Full PDB file with SEQRES, HELIX, SHEET, SSBOND, CRYST1, ORIGX, SCALE, CONECT and MASTER records, all heavy atoms in Angstrom:
SEQRES   1 A   29  LEU LEU ALA ALA LEU GLN GLY GLN ALA ARG GLY ALA ARG          
SEQRES   2 A   29  VAL VAL LEU LEU ALA PRO VAL SER ASP LEU ALA GLU ALA          
SEQRES   3 A   29  ALA ARG LEU                                                  
HELIX    1 AA1 LEU A    2  LEU A    5  1                                   4    
HELIX    2 AA2 LEU A   23  ARG A   28  1                                   6    
CRYST1    1.000    1.000    1.000  90.00  90.00  90.00 P 1           1          
ORIGX1      1.000000  0.000000  0.000000        0.00000                         
ORIGX2      0.000000  1.000000  0.000000        0.00000                         
ORIGX3      0.000000  0.000000  1.000000        0.00000                         
SCALE1      1.000000  0.000000  0.000000        0.00000                         
SCALE2      0.000000  1.000000  0.000000        0.00000                         
SCALE3      0.000000  0.000000  1.000000        0.00000                         
ATOM      1  N   LEU A   1       4.724  94.873 114.509  1.00  0.00           N  
ATOM      2  CA  LEU A   1       5.017  96.018 115.604  1.00  0.00           C  
ATOM      3  C   LEU A   1       6.415  96.287 115.532  1.00  0.00           C  
ATOM      4  O   LEU A   1       6.750  97.542 115.627  1.00  0.00           O  
ATOM      5  CB  LEU A   1       4.525  95.445 116.992  1.00  0.00           C  
ATOM      6  CG  LEU A   1       4.820  96.339 118.130  1.00  0.00           C  
ATOM      7  CD1 LEU A   1       4.117  97.819 118.001  1.00  0.00           C  
ATOM      8  CD2 LEU A   1       4.387  95.696 119.362  1.00  0.00           C  
ATOM      9  N   LEU A   2       7.374  95.410 115.596  1.00  0.00           N  
ATOM     10  CA  LEU A   2       8.715  95.695 115.716  1.00  0.00           C  
ATOM     11  C   LEU A   2       9.128  96.329 114.392  1.00  0.00           C  
ATOM     12  O   LEU A   2       9.982  97.428 114.420  1.00  0.00           O  
ATOM     13  CB  LEU A   2       9.580  94.296 115.682  1.00  0.00           C  
ATOM     14  CG  LEU A   2       9.417  93.656 117.070  1.00  0.00           C  
ATOM     15  CD1 LEU A   2      10.169  92.288 116.966  1.00  0.00           C  
ATOM     16  CD2 LEU A   2      10.017  94.372 118.081  1.00  0.00           C  
ATOM     17  N   ALA A   3       8.591  95.978 113.209  1.00  0.00           N  
ATOM     18  CA  ALA A   3       8.940  96.791 111.947  1.00  0.00           C  
ATOM     19  C   ALA A   3       8.399  98.187 111.978  1.00  0.00           C  
ATOM     20  O   ALA A   3       9.100  99.056 111.409  1.00  0.00           O  
ATOM     21  CB  ALA A   3       8.187  95.947 110.809  1.00  0.00           C  
ATOM     22  N   ALA A   4       7.327  98.362 112.597  1.00  0.00           N  
ATOM     23  CA  ALA A   4       6.781  99.690 112.732  1.00  0.00           C  
ATOM     24  C   ALA A   4       7.599 100.646 113.552  1.00  0.00           C  
ATOM     25  O   ALA A   4       7.770 101.802 113.340  1.00  0.00           O  
ATOM     26  CB  ALA A   4       5.286  99.612 113.241  1.00  0.00           C  
ATOM     27  N   LEU A   5       8.207  99.965 114.616  1.00  0.00           N  
ATOM     28  CA  LEU A   5       9.016 100.669 115.622  1.00  0.00           C  
ATOM     29  C   LEU A   5      10.561 100.951 115.081  1.00  0.00           C  
ATOM     30  O   LEU A   5      11.142 101.846 115.646  1.00  0.00           O  
ATOM     31  CB  LEU A   5       9.024  99.925 116.937  1.00  0.00           C  
ATOM     32  CG  LEU A   5       7.775  99.826 117.697  1.00  0.00           C  
ATOM     33  CD1 LEU A   5       7.857  99.059 118.941  1.00  0.00           C  
ATOM     34  CD2 LEU A   5       7.198 101.292 118.156  1.00  0.00           C  
ATOM     35  N   GLN A   6      10.872 100.142 114.281  1.00  0.00           N  
ATOM     36  CA  GLN A   6      12.393 100.267 113.877  1.00  0.00           C  
ATOM     37  C   GLN A   6      12.717 101.705 113.356  1.00  0.00           C  
ATOM     38  O   GLN A   6      12.035 102.160 112.454  1.00  0.00           O  
ATOM     39  CB  GLN A   6      12.746  99.159 112.716  1.00  0.00           C  
ATOM     40  CG  GLN A   6      14.069  99.077 112.237  1.00  0.00           C  
ATOM     41  CD  GLN A   6      14.342  97.968 111.421  1.00  0.00           C  
ATOM     42  OE1 GLN A   6      14.697  96.874 111.874  1.00  0.00           O  
ATOM     43  NE2 GLN A   6      14.268  98.106 110.037  1.00  0.00           N  
ATOM     44  N   GLY A   7      13.755 102.155 113.889  1.00  0.00           N  
ATOM     45  CA  GLY A   7      14.229 103.424 113.464  1.00  0.00           C  
ATOM     46  C   GLY A   7      13.442 104.626 113.992  1.00  0.00           C  
ATOM     47  O   GLY A   7      13.773 105.812 113.498  1.00  0.00           O  
ATOM     48  N   GLN A   8      12.369 104.454 114.872  1.00  0.00           N  
ATOM     49  CA  GLN A   8      11.582 105.433 115.247  1.00  0.00           C  
ATOM     50  C   GLN A   8      11.905 106.277 116.458  1.00  0.00           C  
ATOM     51  O   GLN A   8      11.439 107.252 116.889  1.00  0.00           O  
ATOM     52  CB  GLN A   8      10.115 104.993 115.318  1.00  0.00           C  
ATOM     53  CG  GLN A   8       9.541 104.438 113.958  1.00  0.00           C  
ATOM     54  CD  GLN A   8       9.570 105.528 112.966  1.00  0.00           C  
ATOM     55  OE1 GLN A   8       8.873 106.548 112.989  1.00  0.00           O  
ATOM     56  NE2 GLN A   8      10.253 105.231 111.898  1.00  0.00           N  
ATOM     57  N   ALA A   9      12.830 105.525 117.245  1.00  0.00           N  
ATOM     58  CA  ALA A   9      13.344 106.205 118.520  1.00  0.00           C  
ATOM     59  C   ALA A   9      12.216 106.545 119.503  1.00  0.00           C  
ATOM     60  O   ALA A   9      12.143 107.614 120.131  1.00  0.00           O  
ATOM     61  CB  ALA A   9      14.236 107.363 118.224  1.00  0.00           C  
ATOM     62  N   ARG A  10      11.223 105.667 119.570  1.00  0.00           N  
ATOM     63  CA  ARG A  10       9.957 105.828 120.349  1.00  0.00           C  
ATOM     64  C   ARG A  10      10.208 105.662 121.683  1.00  0.00           C  
ATOM     65  O   ARG A  10       9.437 106.166 122.552  1.00  0.00           O  
ATOM     66  CB  ARG A  10       8.909 104.900 119.774  1.00  0.00           C  
ATOM     67  CG  ARG A  10       7.525 105.239 120.241  1.00  0.00           C  
ATOM     68  CD  ARG A  10       6.466 104.355 119.814  1.00  0.00           C  
ATOM     69  NE  ARG A  10       5.222 104.408 120.282  1.00  0.00           N  
ATOM     70  CZ  ARG A  10       4.182 105.097 119.723  1.00  0.00           C  
ATOM     71  NH1 ARG A  10       4.393 105.649 118.394  1.00  0.00           N  
ATOM     72  NH2 ARG A  10       3.045 105.349 120.328  1.00  0.00           N  
ATOM     73  N   GLY A  11      11.204 104.750 122.176  1.00  0.00           N  
ATOM     74  CA  GLY A  11      11.349 104.422 123.544  1.00  0.00           C  
ATOM     75  C   GLY A  11      10.313 103.877 124.241  1.00  0.00           C  
ATOM     76  O   GLY A  11      10.055 104.034 125.481  1.00  0.00           O  
ATOM     77  N   ALA A  12       9.580 103.007 123.600  1.00  0.00           N  
ATOM     78  CA  ALA A  12       8.292 102.422 124.092  1.00  0.00           C  
ATOM     79  C   ALA A  12       8.656 101.229 125.041  1.00  0.00           C  
ATOM     80  O   ALA A  12       9.688 100.486 124.938  1.00  0.00           O  
ATOM     81  CB  ALA A  12       7.386 101.963 123.027  1.00  0.00           C  
ATOM     82  N   ARG A  13       7.705 100.825 125.875  1.00  0.00           N  
ATOM     83  CA  ARG A  13       7.686  99.434 126.520  1.00  0.00           C  
ATOM     84  C   ARG A  13       7.033  98.509 125.677  1.00  0.00           C  
ATOM     85  O   ARG A  13       5.758  98.785 125.368  1.00  0.00           O  
ATOM     86  CB  ARG A  13       7.097  99.578 127.935  1.00  0.00           C  
ATOM     87  CG  ARG A  13       7.220  98.257 128.669  1.00  0.00           C  
ATOM     88  CD  ARG A  13       7.041  98.518 130.234  1.00  0.00           C  
ATOM     89  NE  ARG A  13       5.715  98.964 130.604  1.00  0.00           N  
ATOM     90  CZ  ARG A  13       4.677  98.260 130.882  1.00  0.00           C  
ATOM     91  NH1 ARG A  13       4.857  96.836 130.821  1.00  0.00           N  
ATOM     92  NH2 ARG A  13       3.497  98.588 131.391  1.00  0.00           N  
ATOM     93  N   VAL A  14       7.561  97.459 125.157  1.00  0.00           N  
ATOM     94  CA  VAL A  14       7.083  96.452 124.274  1.00  0.00           C  
ATOM     95  C   VAL A  14       6.924  95.127 124.879  1.00  0.00           C  
ATOM     96  O   VAL A  14       7.855  94.714 125.500  1.00  0.00           O  
ATOM     97  CB  VAL A  14       8.032  96.462 123.057  1.00  0.00           C  
ATOM     98  CG1 VAL A  14       7.648  95.383 122.035  1.00  0.00           C  
ATOM     99  CG2 VAL A  14       8.181  97.821 122.357  1.00  0.00           C  
ATOM    100  N   VAL A  15       5.782  94.484 124.561  1.00  0.00           N  
ATOM    101  CA  VAL A  15       5.485  93.209 125.090  1.00  0.00           C  
ATOM    102  C   VAL A  15       5.182  92.323 123.730  1.00  0.00           C  
ATOM    103  O   VAL A  15       4.182  92.643 122.981  1.00  0.00           O  
ATOM    104  CB  VAL A  15       4.443  93.099 126.119  1.00  0.00           C  
ATOM    105  CG1 VAL A  15       4.109  91.572 126.439  1.00  0.00           C  
ATOM    106  CG2 VAL A  15       4.635  94.005 127.336  1.00  0.00           C  
ATOM    107  N   LEU A  16       5.922  91.297 123.616  1.00  0.00           N  
ATOM    108  CA  LEU A  16       5.768  90.439 122.427  1.00  0.00           C  
ATOM    109  C   LEU A  16       5.214  89.103 122.896  1.00  0.00           C  
ATOM    110  O   LEU A  16       5.865  88.324 123.726  1.00  0.00           O  
ATOM    111  CB  LEU A  16       6.967  90.226 121.595  1.00  0.00           C  
ATOM    112  CG  LEU A  16       7.787  91.561 121.216  1.00  0.00           C  
ATOM    113  CD1 LEU A  16       9.090  91.261 120.532  1.00  0.00           C  
ATOM    114  CD2 LEU A  16       6.862  92.324 120.294  1.00  0.00           C  
ATOM    115  N   LEU A  17       4.107  88.578 122.340  1.00  0.00           N  
ATOM    116  CA  LEU A  17       3.352  87.450 122.854  1.00  0.00           C  
ATOM    117  C   LEU A  17       3.540  86.301 121.796  1.00  0.00           C  
ATOM    118  O   LEU A  17       3.131  86.566 120.596  1.00  0.00           O  
ATOM    119  CB  LEU A  17       1.915  87.604 123.088  1.00  0.00           C  
ATOM    120  CG  LEU A  17       1.587  88.776 123.970  1.00  0.00           C  
ATOM    121  CD1 LEU A  17      -0.003  89.042 124.096  1.00  0.00           C  
ATOM    122  CD2 LEU A  17       2.194  88.607 125.403  1.00  0.00           C  
ATOM    123  N   ALA A  18       4.250  85.194 122.060  1.00  0.00           N  
ATOM    124  CA  ALA A  18       4.578  84.055 121.142  1.00  0.00           C  
ATOM    125  C   ALA A  18       4.919  84.847 119.720  1.00  0.00           C  
ATOM    126  O   ALA A  18       4.242  84.482 118.653  1.00  0.00           O  
ATOM    127  CB  ALA A  18       3.331  83.397 120.915  1.00  0.00           C  
ATOM    128  N   PRO A  19       5.976  85.555 119.698  1.00  0.00           N  
ATOM    129  CA  PRO A  19       6.405  86.307 118.404  1.00  0.00           C  
ATOM    130  C   PRO A  19       6.853  85.454 117.344  1.00  0.00           C  
ATOM    131  O   PRO A  19       7.603  84.492 117.520  1.00  0.00           O  
ATOM    132  CB  PRO A  19       7.375  87.345 118.891  1.00  0.00           C  
ATOM    133  CG  PRO A  19       8.044  86.564 120.151  1.00  0.00           C  
ATOM    134  CD  PRO A  19       6.952  85.893 120.735  1.00  0.00           C  
ATOM    135  N   VAL A  20       6.485  85.807 116.104  1.00  0.00           N  
ATOM    136  CA  VAL A  20       7.192  85.451 114.838  1.00  0.00           C  
ATOM    137  C   VAL A  20       7.802  86.549 114.259  1.00  0.00           C  
ATOM    138  O   VAL A  20       7.196  87.441 113.656  1.00  0.00           O  
ATOM    139  CB  VAL A  20       6.101  84.723 113.937  1.00  0.00           C  
ATOM    140  CG1 VAL A  20       6.757  84.314 112.645  1.00  0.00           C  
ATOM    141  CG2 VAL A  20       5.393  83.562 114.568  1.00  0.00           C  
ATOM    142  N   SER A  21       9.095  86.716 114.570  1.00  0.00           N  
ATOM    143  CA  SER A  21       9.850  87.903 114.150  1.00  0.00           C  
ATOM    144  C   SER A  21      11.083  87.740 113.220  1.00  0.00           C  
ATOM    145  O   SER A  21      11.324  88.543 112.413  1.00  0.00           O  
ATOM    146  CB  SER A  21      10.256  88.732 115.448  1.00  0.00           C  
ATOM    147  OG  SER A  21      11.009  87.903 116.177  1.00  0.00           O  
ATOM    148  N   ASP A  22      11.658  86.560 113.392  1.00  0.00           N  
ATOM    149  CA  ASP A  22      12.852  86.243 112.414  1.00  0.00           C  
ATOM    150  C   ASP A  22      12.286  85.530 111.279  1.00  0.00           C  
ATOM    151  O   ASP A  22      12.004  84.353 111.331  1.00  0.00           O  
ATOM    152  CB  ASP A  22      13.914  85.399 113.178  1.00  0.00           C  
ATOM    153  CG  ASP A  22      15.123  85.257 112.304  1.00  0.00           C  
ATOM    154  OD1 ASP A  22      15.114  84.905 111.182  1.00  0.00           O  
ATOM    155  OD2 ASP A  22      16.231  85.341 112.986  1.00  0.00           O  
ATOM    156  N   LEU A  23      12.083  86.221 110.182  1.00  0.00           N  
ATOM    157  CA  LEU A  23      11.451  85.643 108.869  1.00  0.00           C  
ATOM    158  C   LEU A  23      12.281  84.655 108.164  1.00  0.00           C  
ATOM    159  O   LEU A  23      11.639  83.691 107.731  1.00  0.00           O  
ATOM    160  CB  LEU A  23      10.981  86.914 108.030  1.00  0.00           C  
ATOM    161  CG  LEU A  23      10.002  87.761 108.776  1.00  0.00           C  
ATOM    162  CD1 LEU A  23       9.327  88.595 107.608  1.00  0.00           C  
ATOM    163  CD2 LEU A  23       8.930  87.099 109.580  1.00  0.00           C  
ATOM    164  N   ALA A  24      13.616  84.755 108.361  1.00  0.00           N  
ATOM    165  CA  ALA A  24      14.385  83.716 107.683  1.00  0.00           C  
ATOM    166  C   ALA A  24      14.278  82.344 108.266  1.00  0.00           C  
ATOM    167  O   ALA A  24      14.111  81.257 107.679  1.00  0.00           O  
ATOM    168  CB  ALA A  24      15.897  84.184 107.632  1.00  0.00           C  
ATOM    169  N   GLU A  25      14.384  82.455 109.668  1.00  0.00           N  
ATOM    170  CA  GLU A  25      14.189  81.145 110.436  1.00  0.00           C  
ATOM    171  C   GLU A  25      12.792  80.720 110.359  1.00  0.00           C  
ATOM    172  O   GLU A  25      12.531  79.429 110.259  1.00  0.00           O  
ATOM    173  CB  GLU A  25      14.603  81.330 111.919  1.00  0.00           C  
ATOM    174  CG  GLU A  25      14.650  80.066 112.724  1.00  0.00           C  
ATOM    175  CD  GLU A  25      15.742  79.075 112.411  1.00  0.00           C  
ATOM    176  OE1 GLU A  25      16.470  79.376 111.375  1.00  0.00           O  
ATOM    177  OE2 GLU A  25      15.570  77.938 112.941  1.00  0.00           O  
ATOM    178  N   ALA A  26      11.811  81.572 110.433  1.00  0.00           N  
ATOM    179  CA  ALA A  26      10.285  81.180 110.310  1.00  0.00           C  
ATOM    180  C   ALA A  26      10.061  80.428 109.062  1.00  0.00           C  
ATOM    181  O   ALA A  26       9.316  79.482 109.034  1.00  0.00           O  
ATOM    182  CB  ALA A  26       9.424  82.260 110.576  1.00  0.00           C  
ATOM    183  N   ALA A  27      10.617  81.056 107.799  1.00  0.00           N  
ATOM    184  CA  ALA A  27      10.406  80.430 106.648  1.00  0.00           C  
ATOM    185  C   ALA A  27      11.153  79.050 106.571  1.00  0.00           C  
ATOM    186  O   ALA A  27      10.535  78.093 105.977  1.00  0.00           O  
ATOM    187  CB  ALA A  27      10.962  81.292 105.590  1.00  0.00           C  
ATOM    188  N   ARG A  28      12.397  78.930 107.154  1.00  0.00           N  
ATOM    189  CA  ARG A  28      13.058  77.716 107.046  1.00  0.00           C  
ATOM    190  C   ARG A  28      12.257  76.597 107.775  1.00  0.00           C  
ATOM    191  O   ARG A  28      12.328  75.393 107.361  1.00  0.00           O  
ATOM    192  CB  ARG A  28      14.390  77.845 107.768  1.00  0.00           C  
ATOM    193  CG  ARG A  28      15.438  76.615 107.564  1.00  0.00           C  
ATOM    194  CD  ARG A  28      16.577  76.777 108.397  1.00  0.00           C  
ATOM    195  NE  ARG A  28      16.408  76.730 109.898  1.00  0.00           N  
ATOM    196  CZ  ARG A  28      16.302  75.542 110.560  1.00  0.00           C  
ATOM    197  NH1 ARG A  28      16.342  74.384 109.904  1.00  0.00           N  
ATOM    198  NH2 ARG A  28      16.099  75.560 111.845  1.00  0.00           N  
ATOM    199  N   LEU A  29      11.562  76.975 108.920  1.00  0.00           N  
ATOM    200  CA  LEU A  29      10.797  75.991 109.648  1.00  0.00           C  
ATOM    201  C   LEU A  29       9.477  75.770 109.150  1.00  0.00           C  
ATOM    202  O   LEU A  29       8.648  74.947 109.552  1.00  0.00           O  
ATOM    203  CB  LEU A  29      10.757  76.499 111.160  1.00  0.00           C  
ATOM    204  CG  LEU A  29      12.044  76.555 111.863  1.00  0.00           C  
ATOM    205  CD1 LEU A  29      11.828  77.234 113.286  1.00  0.00           C  
ATOM    206  CD2 LEU A  29      12.629  75.107 112.195  1.00  0.00           C  
TER     207      LEU A  29                                                      
MASTER        0    0    0    2    0    0    0    6  206    1    0    3          
END                                                                             
């Protein structure tokens, strides 16, 4: 969802549930 929104200037209200978003840290762990 974040990747789809990046750079789109959509101005949405976003709710992230238990997100996995930082792929460098997620891969490290």
